[in-house]
Amino acid sequence: MSRRISLWWFEALAVVSAIVAAAEPASACSICRCGDPVFNSLGLNIYSSGAWRVALDWDHLSKEQGIWEEDGHATALEIDGGRESIVEQRVTATVAATLGERVALMARVPMSQRVLETEPSHADALHARALHAEAGSTTSDGLGDPELVALVRIWGSPFRGDLGRRAWVAAQLGVKTSWGENDLASGGERLDEHLQPGTGAADWTGGFSTAVVLDPRSTLFASATYRETGTNDYDYRYGPAALAALGLERKLGDRVSAVVEFDYRDSEQDVVDADGTRDPNTGGRIVYFTPRLAWALTPQLVGRLAAQLPLAESLHGDQDEGPVFTVGLSVLLGD
């Protein structure tokens, strides 16, 4: 019996390690979430036949970075344009449906409010003219880019007693549309790219996810995805991104579950113009530690709290990413 348990743990860890290792080095946008949106919003029991789920999440994100411009000479030189900080409040509505026992479809629609504060450097008029925005605060709000995701279970272990299907692996394919607002303007001038709620370009996402039931109260889960980004009408392209997540969910009682999760992002720098110029203060690697708490308010309604805390980072240039706080509700409509 002891040997069988040890073998099961070895197999479970091998599956999870293989999924996480599948992530290839890549890049990410200037301000975006890590983690798996499916696990975060809908939980692990996503393959209940005929089930519909609706989730609503509020996120608070923040970041600071240096402002960089070219000086207009034949040889591009970096100009220290000061620093900018951005704070975003994001509300995301998610709808998911399970078709049969193998396919899950999910649609996410975000609404965003961003505040960008600019602090110019102690420089002369040349530096001041290089800035797109004067010192001060600018606010924007609007529709972000809706996203569609499909998950197909490509392997599942047999049902065993009360634990049901102890492990599964799913392939994931998604598209982030370009339907969000990317041409917001003030005073006749288009706002800074980081103030636009949408990116103005379609992105494609592919990867794998898995969950392994360790015992009646504990489940290990992991995912690894790669996001290929597009270029918008203003020749701006957020860096492609590789994302990975590894977590453990533990039931603390009949109503409360706790999650301990590690999220990883590896990012290229953003491309800012048709010549392929890259912003040196974007992209890089970061690891977050993410504790999360979920409690069943009713059999159909689940409340969630999470904090995504920067644990280690190796970001390009002058950047500082803050924690991400999330409050959410998930509703099971039927099965």
C-alpha atoms as a PDB file:
ATOM      1  CA  MET A   1       0.000   0.000   0.000  1.00  0.00           C
ATOM      2  CA  SER A   2       2.801   2.401   0.928  1.00  0.00           C
ATOM      3  CA  ARG A   3       4.563   1.668  -2.349  1.00  0.00           C
ATOM      4  CA  ARG A   4       1.388   2.406  -4.342  1.00  0.00           C
ATOM      5  CA  ILE A   5       0.935   5.773  -2.600  1.00  0.00           C
ATOM      6  CA  SER A   6       4.565   6.723  -3.244  1.00  0.00           C
ATOM      7  CA  LEU A   7       4.217   5.783  -6.901  1.00  0.00           C
ATOM      8  CA  TRP A   8       1.038   7.887  -7.205  1.00  0.00           C
ATOM      9  CA  TRP A   9       2.776  10.935  -5.738  1.00  0.00           C
ATOM     10  CA  PHE A  10       5.717  10.456  -8.110  1.00  0.00           C
ATOM     11  CA  GLU A  11       3.407  10.222 -11.144  1.00  0.00           C
ATOM     12  CA  ALA A  12       1.410  13.282 -10.039  1.00  0.00           C
ATOM     13  CA  LEU A  13       4.517  15.406  -9.579  1.00  0.00           C
ATOM     14  CA  ALA A  14       5.933  14.206 -12.892  1.00  0.00           C
ATOM     15  CA  VAL A  15       2.810  15.286 -14.764  1.00  0.00           C
ATOM     16  CA  VAL A  16       2.789  18.726 -13.127  1.00  0.00           C
ATOM     17  CA  SER A  17       6.527  19.240 -13.693  1.00  0.00           C
ATOM     18  CA  ALA A  18       6.180  18.366 -17.361  1.00  0.00           C
ATOM     19  CA  ILE A  19       3.393  20.907 -17.852  1.00  0.00           C
ATOM     20  CA  VAL A  20       5.305  23.714 -16.131  1.00  0.00           C
ATOM     21  CA  ALA A  21       8.491  22.924 -18.035  1.00  0.00           C
ATOM     22  CA  ALA A  22       6.601  23.295 -21.322  1.00  0.00           C
ATOM     23  CA  ALA A  23       6.672  27.093 -21.003  1.00  0.00           C
ATOM     24  CA  GLU A  24       9.159  28.672 -23.407  1.00  0.00           C
ATOM     25  CA  PRO A  25      10.979  31.931 -22.597  1.00  0.00           C
ATOM     26  CA  ALA A  26       8.979  34.864 -24.008  1.00  0.00           C
ATOM     27  CA  SER A  27       7.588  38.213 -22.928  1.00  0.00           C
ATOM     28  CA  ALA A  28       4.623  40.152 -21.574  1.00  0.00           C
ATOM     29  CA  CYS A  29       2.840  43.452 -21.829  1.00  0.00           C
ATOM     30  CA  SER A  30       3.733  46.469 -19.729  1.00  0.00           C
ATOM     31  CA  ILE A  31       0.959  45.811 -17.225  1.00  0.00           C
ATOM     32  CA  CYS A  32      -0.866  42.473 -17.176  1.00  0.00           C
ATOM     33  CA  ARG A  33      -1.882  39.632 -14.929  1.00  0.00           C
ATOM     34  CA  CYS A  34       0.012  36.421 -14.330  1.00  0.00           C
ATOM     35  CA  GLY A  35      -1.732  33.225 -13.349  1.00  0.00           C
ATOM     36  CA  ASP A  36      -4.366  31.059 -14.980  1.00  0.00           C
ATOM     37  CA  PRO A  37      -7.701  32.881 -15.561  1.00  0.00           C
ATOM     38  CA  VAL A  38      -9.628  29.601 -15.678  1.00  0.00           C
ATOM     39  CA  PHE A  39      -8.445  28.385 -12.271  1.00  0.00           C
ATOM     40  CA  ASN A  40      -8.630  31.882 -10.791  1.00  0.00           C
ATOM     41  CA  SER A  41     -12.238  32.578 -11.792  1.00  0.00           C
ATOM     42  CA  LEU A  42     -13.895  29.185 -12.129  1.00  0.00           C
ATOM     43  CA  GLY A  43     -12.035  26.815  -9.843  1.00  0.00           C
ATOM     44  CA  LEU A  44     -10.803  23.312 -10.641  1.00  0.00           C
ATOM     45  CA  ASN A  45     -14.077  21.463 -11.238  1.00  0.00           C
ATOM     46  CA  ILE A  46     -14.552  22.847 -14.756  1.00  0.00           C
ATOM     47  CA  TYR A  47     -15.514  19.606 -16.509  1.00  0.00           C
ATOM     48  CA  SER A  48     -18.935  19.082 -14.932  1.00  0.00           C
ATOM     49  CA  SER A  49     -21.146  18.091 -17.849  1.00  0.00           C
ATOM     50  CA  GLY A  50     -23.737  20.715 -18.790  1.00  0.00           C
ATOM     51  CA  ALA A  51     -22.572  23.241 -16.184  1.00  0.00           C
ATOM     52  CA  TRP A  52     -22.720  27.004 -16.743  1.00  0.00           C
ATOM     53  CA  ARG A  53     -20.616  29.332 -14.623  1.00  0.00           C
ATOM     54  CA  VAL A  54     -20.521  33.105 -14.334  1.00  0.00           C
ATOM     55  CA  ALA A  55     -17.789  35.033 -12.522  1.00  0.00           C
ATOM     56  CA  LEU A  56     -17.220  38.700 -11.755  1.00  0.00           C
ATOM     57  CA  ASP A  57     -13.768  39.904 -10.658  1.00  0.00           C
ATOM     58  CA  TRP A  58     -12.380  43.253  -9.518  1.00  0.00           C
ATOM     59  CA  ASP A  59      -8.606  43.676  -9.846  1.00  0.00           C
ATOM     60  CA  HIS A  60      -6.343  46.436  -8.576  1.00  0.00           C
ATOM     61  CA  LEU A  61      -3.013  46.633 -10.435  1.00  0.00           C
ATOM     62  CA  SER A  62      -0.123  49.107 -10.196  1.00  0.00           C
ATOM     63  CA  LYS A  63       3.249  49.666 -11.812  1.00  0.00           C
ATOM     64  CA  GLU A  64       6.010  52.266 -12.131  1.00  0.00           C
ATOM     65  CA  GLN A  65       8.509  52.576 -14.962  1.00  0.00           C
ATOM     66  CA  GLY A  66      10.906  55.017 -16.551  1.00  0.00           C
ATOM     67  CA  ILE A  67       9.821  57.105 -19.541  1.00  0.00           C
ATOM     68  CA  TRP A  68      12.023  56.627 -22.581  1.00  0.00           C
ATOM     69  CA  GLU A  69      12.124  58.479 -25.884  1.00  0.00           C
ATOM     70  CA  GLU A  70      14.404  58.716 -28.906  1.00  0.00           C
ATOM     71  CA  ASP A  71      16.209  61.998 -29.542  1.00  0.00           C
ATOM     72  CA  GLY A  72      15.372  62.085 -33.265  1.00  0.00           C
ATOM     73  CA  HIS A  73      18.942  61.687 -34.526  1.00  0.00           C
ATOM     74  CA  ALA A  74      19.993  59.095 -37.083  1.00  0.00           C
ATOM     75  CA  THR A  75      21.450  57.045 -34.250  1.00  0.00           C
ATOM     76  CA  ALA A  76      18.704  56.597 -31.677  1.00  0.00           C
ATOM     77  CA  LEU A  77      19.780  57.717 -28.226  1.00  0.00           C
ATOM     78  CA  GLU A  78      17.874  57.110 -25.028  1.00  0.00           C
ATOM     79  CA  ILE A  79      16.608  60.200 -23.212  1.00  0.00           C
ATOM     80  CA  ASP A  80      15.739  60.056 -19.531  1.00  0.00           C
ATOM     81  CA  GLY A  81      12.194  61.416 -19.587  1.00  0.00           C
ATOM     82  CA  GLY A  82      11.405  60.849 -15.915  1.00  0.00           C
ATOM     83  CA  ARG A  83       9.034  58.252 -14.517  1.00  0.00           C
ATOM     84  CA  GLU A  84       5.410  57.295 -14.885  1.00  0.00           C
ATOM     85  CA  SER A  85       3.155  55.305 -12.584  1.00  0.00           C
ATOM     86  CA  ILE A  86      -0.073  53.625 -13.580  1.00  0.00           C
ATOM     87  CA  VAL A  87      -2.866  52.317 -11.381  1.00  0.00           C
ATOM     88  CA  GLU A  88      -5.631  50.237 -12.934  1.00  0.00           C
ATOM     89  CA  GLN A  89      -9.003  49.163 -11.592  1.00  0.00           C
ATOM     90  CA  ARG A  90     -10.307  46.329 -13.752  1.00  0.00           C
ATOM     91  CA  VAL A  91     -13.702  44.593 -13.638  1.00  0.00           C
ATOM     92  CA  THR A  92     -13.928  41.372 -15.653  1.00  0.00           C
ATOM     93  CA  ALA A  93     -17.086  39.385 -16.394  1.00  0.00           C
ATOM     94  CA  THR A  94     -16.555  35.703 -17.244  1.00  0.00           C
ATOM     95  CA  VAL A  95     -19.033  33.205 -18.678  1.00  0.00           C
ATOM     96  CA  ALA A  96     -18.104  29.535 -19.081  1.00  0.00           C
ATOM     97  CA  ALA A  97     -19.959  26.485 -20.366  1.00  0.00           C
ATOM     98  CA  THR A  98     -19.010  22.791 -20.288  1.00  0.00           C
ATOM     99  CA  LEU A  99     -19.917  20.734 -23.340  1.00  0.00           C
ATOM    100  CA  GLY A 100     -20.071  17.045 -22.504  1.00  0.00           C
ATOM    101  CA  GLU A 101     -17.214  15.964 -20.228  1.00  0.00           C
ATOM    102  CA  ARG A 102     -14.234  17.022 -22.332  1.00  0.00           C
ATOM    103  CA  VAL A 103     -14.721  20.566 -23.634  1.00  0.00           C
ATOM    104  CA  ALA A 104     -15.048  23.841 -21.721  1.00  0.00           C
ATOM    105  CA  LEU A 105     -15.561  27.241 -23.370  1.00  0.00           C
ATOM    106  CA  MET A 106     -14.942  30.555 -21.632  1.00  0.00           C
ATOM    107  CA  ALA A 107     -15.510  34.200 -22.609  1.00  0.00           C
ATOM    108  CA  ARG A 108     -14.071  37.145 -20.628  1.00  0.00           C
ATOM    109  CA  VAL A 109     -14.988  40.825 -21.037  1.00  0.00           C
ATOM    110  CA  PRO A 110     -12.962  43.414 -19.057  1.00  0.00           C
ATOM    111  CA  MET A 111     -13.756  47.041 -18.251  1.00  0.00           C
ATOM    112  CA  SER A 112     -10.794  49.172 -17.234  1.00  0.00           C
ATOM    113  CA  GLN A 113     -10.088  52.459 -15.496  1.00  0.00           C
ATOM    114  CA  ARG A 114      -6.486  53.655 -15.530  1.00  0.00           C
ATOM    115  CA  VAL A 115      -4.743  56.607 -13.888  1.00  0.00           C
ATOM    116  CA  LEU A 116      -1.348  57.587 -15.305  1.00  0.00           C
ATOM    117  CA  GLU A 117       0.835  59.967 -13.325  1.00  0.00           C
ATOM    118  CA  THR A 118       3.912  61.456 -14.999  1.00  0.00           C
ATOM    119  CA  GLU A 119       6.909  62.891 -13.194  1.00  0.00           C
ATOM    120  CA  PRO A 120       9.478  64.454 -15.577  1.00  0.00           C
ATOM    121  CA  SER A 121      13.172  64.301 -14.819  1.00  0.00           C
ATOM    122  CA  HIS A 122      15.167  67.329 -13.670  1.00  0.00           C
ATOM    123  CA  ALA A 123      16.198  68.130 -17.212  1.00  0.00           C
ATOM    124  CA  ASP A 124      16.286  70.965 -19.685  1.00  0.00           C
ATOM    125  CA  ALA A 125      13.803  71.892 -22.405  1.00  0.00           C
ATOM    126  CA  LEU A 126      15.096  69.132 -24.689  1.00  0.00           C
ATOM    127  CA  HIS A 127      13.979  66.530 -22.194  1.00  0.00           C
ATOM    128  CA  ALA A 128      10.660  68.230 -21.640  1.00  0.00           C
ATOM    129  CA  ARG A 129       9.902  68.279 -25.370  1.00  0.00           C
ATOM    130  CA  ALA A 130      10.617  64.553 -25.545  1.00  0.00           C
ATOM    131  CA  LEU A 131       7.671  63.729 -23.281  1.00  0.00           C
ATOM    132  CA  HIS A 132       4.316  62.810 -24.786  1.00  0.00           C
ATOM    133  CA  ALA A 133       2.527  63.906 -21.632  1.00  0.00           C
ATOM    134  CA  GLU A 134       3.130  66.827 -19.307  1.00  0.00           C
ATOM    135  CA  ALA A 135       3.667  66.310 -15.612  1.00  0.00           C
ATOM    136  CA  GLY A 136       0.422  65.496 -13.877  1.00  0.00           C
ATOM    137  CA  SER A 137      -2.308  62.895 -13.813  1.00  0.00           C
ATOM    138  CA  THR A 138      -4.450  61.542 -16.668  1.00  0.00           C
ATOM    139  CA  THR A 139      -7.412  59.170 -16.308  1.00  0.00           C
ATOM    140  CA  SER A 140      -9.037  56.906 -18.869  1.00  0.00           C
ATOM    141  CA  ASP A 141     -11.743  54.265 -18.787  1.00  0.00           C
ATOM    142  CA  GLY A 142     -13.458  51.994 -21.272  1.00  0.00           C
ATOM    143  CA  LEU A 143     -13.842  48.517 -22.708  1.00  0.00           C
ATOM    144  CA  GLY A 144     -10.827  46.242 -22.669  1.00  0.00           C
ATOM    145  CA  ASP A 145     -10.197  43.431 -25.127  1.00  0.00           C
ATOM    146  CA  PRO A 146     -12.697  40.530 -24.831  1.00  0.00           C
ATOM    147  CA  GLU A 147     -11.079  37.105 -24.748  1.00  0.00           C
ATOM    148  CA  LEU A 148     -12.316  33.656 -25.846  1.00  0.00           C
ATOM    149  CA  VAL A 149     -10.745  30.452 -24.484  1.00  0.00           C
ATOM    150  CA  ALA A 150     -11.377  26.781 -25.250  1.00  0.00           C
ATOM    151  CA  LEU A 151     -10.095  23.902 -23.105  1.00  0.00           C
ATOM    152  CA  VAL A 152     -10.146  20.320 -24.348  1.00  0.00           C
ATOM    153  CA  ARG A 153      -9.318  17.487 -21.975  1.00  0.00           C
ATOM    154  CA  ILE A 154      -6.823  15.305 -23.827  1.00  0.00           C
ATOM    155  CA  TRP A 155      -6.230  12.823 -21.010  1.00  0.00           C
ATOM    156  CA  GLY A 156      -7.977  11.808 -17.820  1.00  0.00           C
ATOM    157  CA  SER A 157      -7.381   9.096 -15.270  1.00  0.00           C
ATOM    158  CA  PRO A 158     -10.142   6.530 -14.569  1.00  0.00           C
ATOM    159  CA  PHE A 159     -12.743   7.250 -11.909  1.00  0.00           C
ATOM    160  CA  ARG A 160     -11.705   5.868  -8.510  1.00  0.00           C
ATOM    161  CA  GLY A 161     -14.137   5.733  -5.612  1.00  0.00           C
ATOM    162  CA  ASP A 162     -15.166   8.998  -3.965  1.00  0.00           C
ATOM    163  CA  LEU A 163     -12.266  10.939  -5.507  1.00  0.00           C
ATOM    164  CA  GLY A 164     -13.661  10.620  -9.017  1.00  0.00           C
ATOM    165  CA  ARG A 165     -11.189  11.407 -11.798  1.00  0.00           C
ATOM    166  CA  ARG A 166      -7.917  11.913  -9.918  1.00  0.00           C
ATOM    167  CA  ALA A 167      -6.010  13.669 -12.707  1.00  0.00           C
ATOM    168  CA  TRP A 168      -6.515  15.295 -16.089  1.00  0.00           C
ATOM    169  CA  VAL A 169      -4.538  17.203 -18.695  1.00  0.00           C
ATOM    170  CA  ALA A 170      -6.153  19.752 -21.016  1.00  0.00           C
ATOM    171  CA  ALA A 171      -4.997  21.646 -24.085  1.00  0.00           C
ATOM    172  CA  GLN A 172      -5.869  25.333 -24.112  1.00  0.00           C
ATOM    173  CA  LEU A 173      -6.373  27.652 -27.089  1.00  0.00           C
ATOM    174  CA  GLY A 174      -7.512  31.261 -26.819  1.00  0.00           C
ATOM    175  CA  VAL A 175      -7.782  34.518 -28.696  1.00  0.00           C
ATOM    176  CA  LYS A 176      -7.764  37.986 -27.180  1.00  0.00           C
ATOM    177  CA  THR A 177      -9.665  40.116 -29.631  1.00  0.00           C
ATOM    178  CA  SER A 178      -8.875  43.674 -30.736  1.00  0.00           C
ATOM    179  CA  TRP A 179     -12.401  44.866 -29.897  1.00  0.00           C
ATOM    180  CA  GLY A 180     -11.404  46.993 -26.908  1.00  0.00           C
ATOM    181  CA  GLU A 181     -10.961  50.767 -27.083  1.00  0.00           C
ATOM    182  CA  ASN A 182      -7.518  51.766 -28.350  1.00  0.00           C
ATOM    183  CA  ASP A 183      -8.108  55.269 -29.739  1.00  0.00           C
ATOM    184  CA  LEU A 184      -9.107  57.266 -26.658  1.00  0.00           C
ATOM    185  CA  ALA A 185      -8.073  60.901 -27.016  1.00  0.00           C
ATOM    186  CA  SER A 186      -8.071  64.104 -24.996  1.00  0.00           C
ATOM    187  CA  GLY A 187      -7.811  67.608 -26.446  1.00  0.00           C
ATOM    188  CA  GLY A 188      -7.528  66.167 -29.930  1.00  0.00           C
ATOM    189  CA  GLU A 189      -4.496  64.011 -29.096  1.00  0.00           C
ATOM    190  CA  ARG A 190      -4.490  60.251 -28.630  1.00  0.00           C
ATOM    191  CA  LEU A 191      -3.753  59.235 -25.065  1.00  0.00           C
ATOM    192  CA  ASP A 192      -0.602  57.353 -24.106  1.00  0.00           C
ATOM    193  CA  GLU A 193      -0.630  53.680 -25.125  1.00  0.00           C
ATOM    194  CA  HIS A 194      -0.651  52.599 -21.489  1.00  0.00           C
ATOM    195  CA  LEU A 195      -3.877  54.562 -20.933  1.00  0.00           C
ATOM    196  CA  GLN A 196      -5.743  52.697 -23.680  1.00  0.00           C
ATOM    197  CA  PRO A 197      -8.134  50.058 -22.226  1.00  0.00           C
ATOM    198  CA  GLY A 198      -7.517  47.762 -25.204  1.00  0.00           C
ATOM    199  CA  THR A 199      -4.326  46.891 -27.040  1.00  0.00           C
ATOM    200  CA  GLY A 200      -5.813  47.392 -30.533  1.00  0.00           C
ATOM    201  CA  ALA A 201      -4.465  44.030 -31.723  1.00  0.00           C
ATOM    202  CA  ALA A 202      -5.474  40.378 -31.572  1.00  0.00           C
ATOM    203  CA  ASP A 203      -3.371  37.948 -29.513  1.00  0.00           C
ATOM    204  CA  TRP A 204      -3.285  34.152 -29.679  1.00  0.00           C
ATOM    205  CA  THR A 205      -2.727  31.908 -26.663  1.00  0.00           C
ATOM    206  CA  GLY A 206      -1.910  28.209 -26.512  1.00  0.00           C
ATOM    207  CA  GLY A 207      -0.801  25.859 -23.783  1.00  0.00           C
ATOM    208  CA  PHE A 208      -1.682  23.100 -21.354  1.00  0.00           C
ATOM    209  CA  SER A 209      -3.204  22.801 -17.892  1.00  0.00           C
ATOM    210  CA  THR A 210      -3.547  19.957 -15.431  1.00  0.00           C
ATOM    211  CA  ALA A 211      -5.018  19.083 -12.037  1.00  0.00           C
ATOM    212  CA  VAL A 212      -4.136  16.172  -9.753  1.00  0.00           C
ATOM    213  CA  VAL A 213      -6.293  15.187  -6.747  1.00  0.00           C
ATOM    214  CA  LEU A 214      -3.870  14.190  -3.991  1.00  0.00           C
ATOM    215  CA  ASP A 215      -6.480  13.320  -1.373  1.00  0.00           C
ATOM    216  CA  PRO A 216     -10.125  14.236  -0.617  1.00  0.00           C
ATOM    217  CA  ARG A 217      -9.066  17.735   0.530  1.00  0.00           C
ATOM    218  CA  SER A 218      -5.985  18.572  -1.555  1.00  0.00           C
ATOM    219  CA  THR A 219      -5.554  19.221  -5.285  1.00  0.00           C
ATOM    220  CA  LEU A 220      -2.386  20.174  -7.134  1.00  0.00           C
ATOM    221  CA  PHE A 221      -2.796  22.215 -10.335  1.00  0.00           C
ATOM    222  CA  ALA A 222      -0.550  23.771 -12.953  1.00  0.00           C
ATOM    223  CA  SER A 223      -0.653  25.475 -16.326  1.00  0.00           C
ATOM    224  CA  ALA A 224       1.775  26.785 -18.939  1.00  0.00           C
ATOM    225  CA  THR A 225       0.733  29.050 -21.811  1.00  0.00           C
ATOM    226  CA  TYR A 226       2.342  31.152 -24.506  1.00  0.00           C
ATOM    227  CA  ARG A 227       0.790  34.392 -25.767  1.00  0.00           C
ATOM    228  CA  GLU A 228       1.674  35.621 -29.261  1.00  0.00           C
ATOM    229  CA  THR A 229       0.812  39.312 -29.568  1.00  0.00           C
ATOM    230  CA  GLY A 230      -0.158  41.422 -32.570  1.00  0.00           C
ATOM    231  CA  THR A 231       0.619  44.967 -33.727  1.00  0.00           C
ATOM    232  CA  ASN A 232      -2.044  47.673 -33.562  1.00  0.00           C
ATOM    233  CA  ASP A 233      -2.815  50.470 -36.034  1.00  0.00           C
ATOM    234  CA  TYR A 234      -0.315  52.743 -34.259  1.00  0.00           C
ATOM    235  CA  ASP A 235       2.558  50.246 -34.790  1.00  0.00           C
ATOM    236  CA  TYR A 236       2.688  49.350 -31.089  1.00  0.00           C
ATOM    237  CA  ARG A 237       3.139  45.729 -30.117  1.00  0.00           C
ATOM    238  CA  TYR A 238       3.117  44.481 -26.542  1.00  0.00           C
ATOM    239  CA  GLY A 239       5.766  41.819 -26.002  1.00  0.00           C
ATOM    240  CA  PRO A 240       4.790  38.148 -26.451  1.00  0.00           C
ATOM    241  CA  ALA A 241       4.532  36.317 -23.137  1.00  0.00           C
ATOM    242  CA  ALA A 242       5.088  32.935 -21.549  1.00  0.00           C
ATOM    243  CA  LEU A 243       3.072  32.331 -18.383  1.00  0.00           C
ATOM    244  CA  ALA A 244       3.196  29.463 -15.907  1.00  0.00           C
ATOM    245  CA  ALA A 245       1.304  28.720 -12.699  1.00  0.00           C
ATOM    246  CA  LEU A 246       1.736  26.052 -10.019  1.00  0.00           C
ATOM    247  CA  GLY A 247      -0.573  25.840  -7.019  1.00  0.00           C
ATOM    248  CA  LEU A 248      -2.087  23.722  -4.295  1.00  0.00           C
ATOM    249  CA  GLU A 249      -5.723  23.977  -3.196  1.00  0.00           C
ATOM    250  CA  ARG A 250      -6.658  22.704   0.268  1.00  0.00           C
ATOM    251  CA  LYS A 251     -10.177  22.448   1.655  1.00  0.00           C
ATOM    252  CA  LEU A 252     -10.264  23.849   5.194  1.00  0.00           C
ATOM    253  CA  GLY A 253     -13.843  22.782   5.849  1.00  0.00           C
ATOM    254  CA  ASP A 254     -17.134  22.228   4.080  1.00  0.00           C
ATOM    255  CA  ARG A 255     -17.271  25.831   2.841  1.00  0.00           C
ATOM    256  CA  VAL A 256     -13.743  27.264   2.826  1.00  0.00           C
ATOM    257  CA  SER A 257     -10.771  26.484   0.562  1.00  0.00           C
ATOM    258  CA  ALA A 258      -7.296  28.010   0.568  1.00  0.00           C
ATOM    259  CA  VAL A 259      -4.876  28.164  -2.355  1.00  0.00           C
ATOM    260  CA  VAL A 260      -1.126  28.717  -2.360  1.00  0.00           C
ATOM    261  CA  GLU A 261       0.144  29.495  -5.860  1.00  0.00           C
ATOM    262  CA  PHE A 262       3.310  30.586  -7.660  1.00  0.00           C
ATOM    263  CA  ASP A 263       2.920  32.498 -10.949  1.00  0.00           C
ATOM    264  CA  TYR A 264       5.689  33.152 -13.463  1.00  0.00           C
ATOM    265  CA  ARG A 265       5.952  35.511 -16.430  1.00  0.00           C
ATOM    266  CA  ASP A 266       8.786  35.931 -18.942  1.00  0.00           C
ATOM    267  CA  SER A 267       8.476  38.938 -21.258  1.00  0.00           C
ATOM    268  CA  GLU A 268      10.074  40.527 -24.275  1.00  0.00           C
ATOM    269  CA  GLN A 269      10.232  44.298 -24.590  1.00  0.00           C
ATOM    270  CA  ASP A 270       7.388  46.192 -26.274  1.00  0.00           C
ATOM    271  CA  VAL A 271       7.846  47.371 -29.862  1.00  0.00           C
ATOM    272  CA  VAL A 272       6.840  51.046 -30.139  1.00  0.00           C
ATOM    273  CA  ASP A 273       7.026  51.902 -33.854  1.00  0.00           C
ATOM    274  CA  ALA A 274       7.149  50.550 -37.411  1.00  0.00           C
ATOM    275  CA  ASP A 275      10.970  50.493 -37.306  1.00  0.00           C
ATOM    276  CA  GLY A 276      10.912  47.857 -34.577  1.00  0.00           C
ATOM    277  CA  THR A 277      12.224  50.165 -31.836  1.00  0.00           C
ATOM    278  CA  ARG A 278      11.845  48.578 -28.408  1.00  0.00           C
ATOM    279  CA  ASP A 279      11.024  50.303 -25.151  1.00  0.00           C
ATOM    280  CA  PRO A 280      13.899  49.309 -22.814  1.00  0.00           C
ATOM    281  CA  ASN A 281      11.699  49.781 -19.733  1.00  0.00           C
ATOM    282  CA  THR A 282       9.329  46.922 -20.584  1.00  0.00           C
ATOM    283  CA  GLY A 283       9.531  43.142 -20.393  1.00  0.00           C
ATOM    284  CA  GLY A 284      11.559  40.805 -18.222  1.00  0.00           C
ATOM    285  CA  ARG A 285      10.936  37.993 -15.774  1.00  0.00           C
ATOM    286  CA  ILE A 286       8.883  38.014 -12.601  1.00  0.00           C
ATOM    287  CA  VAL A 287       7.635  35.457 -10.074  1.00  0.00           C
ATOM    288  CA  TYR A 288       4.563  36.121  -7.926  1.00  0.00           C
ATOM    289  CA  PHE A 289       3.445  34.399  -4.743  1.00  0.00           C
ATOM    290  CA  THR A 290      -0.358  34.246  -4.755  1.00  0.00           C
ATOM    291  CA  PRO A 291      -2.393  33.218  -1.706  1.00  0.00           C
ATOM    292  CA  ARG A 292      -6.112  32.909  -2.390  1.00  0.00           C
ATOM    293  CA  LEU A 293      -9.158  32.186  -0.229  1.00  0.00           C
ATOM    294  CA  ALA A 294     -12.531  30.936  -1.471  1.00  0.00           C
ATOM    295  CA  TRP A 295     -15.654  30.299   0.523  1.00  0.00           C
ATOM    296  CA  ALA A 296     -19.058  28.907  -0.477  1.00  0.00           C
ATOM    297  CA  LEU A 297     -21.689  31.470   0.496  1.00  0.00           C
ATOM    298  CA  THR A 298     -24.336  29.091  -0.887  1.00  0.00           C
ATOM    299  CA  PRO A 299     -24.008  25.802  -2.823  1.00  0.00           C
ATOM    300  CA  GLN A 300     -24.069  27.872  -6.055  1.00  0.00           C
ATOM    301  CA  LEU A 301     -22.256  31.074  -4.991  1.00  0.00           C
ATOM    302  CA  VAL A 302     -18.537  31.268  -4.178  1.00  0.00           C
ATOM    303  CA  GLY A 303     -16.658  34.356  -2.989  1.00  0.00           C
ATOM    304  CA  ARG A 304     -12.915  34.782  -3.613  1.00  0.00           C
ATOM    305  CA  LEU A 305     -10.069  36.945  -2.283  1.00  0.00           C
ATOM    306  CA  ALA A 306      -6.527  36.910  -3.674  1.00  0.00           C
ATOM    307  CA  ALA A 307      -3.280  38.868  -3.453  1.00  0.00           C
ATOM    308  CA  GLN A 308      -0.603  38.439  -6.113  1.00  0.00           C
ATOM    309  CA  LEU A 309       2.660  39.513  -4.475  1.00  0.00           C
ATOM    310  CA  PRO A 310       5.945  40.049  -6.386  1.00  0.00           C
ATOM    311  CA  LEU A 311       8.430  37.512  -5.027  1.00  0.00           C
ATOM    312  CA  ALA A 312      11.396  37.789  -7.407  1.00  0.00           C
ATOM    313  CA  GLU A 313      11.940  39.822 -10.535  1.00  0.00           C
ATOM    314  CA  SER A 314      14.496  40.482 -13.243  1.00  0.00           C
ATOM    315  CA  LEU A 315      12.841  43.229 -15.289  1.00  0.00           C
ATOM    316  CA  HIS A 316      14.419  45.177 -18.120  1.00  0.00           C
ATOM    317  CA  GLY A 317      15.398  48.797 -17.560  1.00  0.00           C
ATOM    318  CA  ASP A 318      13.621  50.932 -14.968  1.00  0.00           C
ATOM    319  CA  GLN A 319      10.489  49.084 -13.753  1.00  0.00           C
ATOM    320  CA  ASP A 320       8.748  48.259 -10.499  1.00  0.00           C
ATOM    321  CA  GLU A 321       5.611  46.116 -10.477  1.00  0.00           C
ATOM    322  CA  GLY A 322       3.266  46.286  -7.501  1.00  0.00           C
ATOM    323  CA  PRO A 323       0.973  43.658  -5.999  1.00  0.00           C
ATOM    324  CA  VAL A 324      -2.334  42.709  -7.604  1.00  0.00           C
ATOM    325  CA  PHE A 325      -5.429  42.444  -5.397  1.00  0.00           C
ATOM    326  CA  THR A 326      -8.561  40.579  -6.497  1.00  0.00           C
ATOM    327  CA  VAL A 327     -12.092  40.239  -5.156  1.00  0.00           C
ATOM    328  CA  GLY A 328     -14.454  37.962  -7.034  1.00  0.00           C
ATOM    329  CA  LEU A 329     -17.724  36.028  -7.106  1.00  0.00           C
ATOM    330  CA  SER A 330     -18.444  32.824  -9.036  1.00  0.00           C
ATOM    331  CA  VAL A 331     -21.935  31.434  -9.659  1.00  0.00           C
ATOM    332  CA  LEU A 332     -22.872  27.912 -10.777  1.00  0.00           C
ATOM    333  CA  LEU A 333     -26.011  28.284 -12.869  1.00  0.00           C
ATOM    334  CA  GLY A 334     -26.806  24.657 -13.514  1.00  0.00           C
ATOM    335  CA  ASP A 335     -25.557  21.215 -14.347  1.00  0.00           C
END
